[in-house]
Amino acid sequence: MKPNPLHQGKKDHNKHVLDFHKNHALELERGENGNGLLAKWERFVYNKGKALFKAVK
């Protein structure tokens, strides 16, 4: 059973969150998420996880 949002605001919020995560994943793939230590670790984990997923698949 699919939960229905009670308010239009919640529906809009969920759409914005979905767009953010989609754009963030694209930035990670292109390496545009920054140069800080956390950004480098995030890219490393993302790329290793993606490679592991492809290997298992």
Protein backbone atom coordinates (compact mmCIF):
# COMPACT_ATOMS: atom_id res chain seq x y z
CA MET A 1 0.00 0.00 0.00
CA LYS A 2 1.45 3.33 -1.05
CA PRO A 3 1.31 6.06 1.60
CA ASN A 4 -0.42 9.23 0.46
CA PRO A 5 1.05 12.59 1.48
CA LEU A 6 -1.30 14.62 3.64
CA HIS A 7 -0.28 18.00 2.37
CA GLN A 8 0.95 19.43 -0.90
CA GLY A 9 3.97 20.84 0.97
CA LYS A 10 5.14 17.35 1.89
CA LYS A 11 4.74 16.23 -1.71
CA ASP A 12 6.82 19.19 -2.92
CA HIS A 13 9.45 18.53 -0.28
CA ASN A 14 9.79 14.90 -1.36
CA LYS A 15 10.21 16.02 -4.98
CA HIS A 16 12.96 18.47 -3.99
CA VAL A 17 14.76 15.78 -1.98
CA LEU A 18 14.57 13.37 -4.92
CA ASP A 19 15.99 16.00 -7.27
CA PHE A 20 18.78 16.83 -4.83
CA HIS A 21 19.89 13.19 -4.51
CA LYS A 22 19.74 12.66 -8.26
CA ASN A 23 21.89 15.74 -8.89
CA HIS A 24 24.28 14.82 -6.08
CA ALA A 25 24.86 11.37 -7.57
CA LEU A 26 25.65 12.96 -10.94
CA GLU A 27 28.11 15.36 -9.26
CA LEU A 28 29.82 12.41 -7.57
CA GLU A 29 30.23 10.61 -10.87
CA ARG A 30 31.71 13.70 -12.51
CA GLY A 31 33.91 14.46 -9.48
CA GLU A 32 32.38 17.89 -8.93
CA ASN A 33 31.40 17.51 -5.28
CA GLY A 34 34.41 19.41 -3.93
CA ASN A 35 38.04 19.01 -2.90
CA GLY A 36 37.71 18.61 0.85
CA LEU A 37 38.59 15.44 2.72
CA LEU A 38 34.94 14.49 3.24
CA ALA A 39 34.18 15.02 -0.46
CA LYS A 40 37.14 12.84 -1.44
CA TRP A 41 36.01 10.06 0.90
CA GLU A 42 32.47 10.35 -0.41
CA ARG A 43 33.70 9.95 -4.00
CA PHE A 44 35.93 7.03 -3.00
CA VAL A 45 33.13 5.16 -1.23
CA TYR A 46 30.66 5.92 -4.03
CA ASN A 47 32.99 4.68 -6.76
CA LYS A 48 34.07 1.56 -4.84
CA GLY A 49 30.46 0.72 -4.03
CA LYS A 50 29.44 1.20 -7.64
CA ALA A 51 32.30 -1.03 -8.84
CA LEU A 52 31.43 -3.69 -6.24
CA PHE A 53 27.78 -3.60 -7.28
CA LYS A 54 28.73 -4.02 -10.94
CA ALA A 55 31.05 -6.94 -10.10
CA VAL A 56 28.34 -8.75 -8.16
CA LYS A 57 25.68 -8.05 -10.75
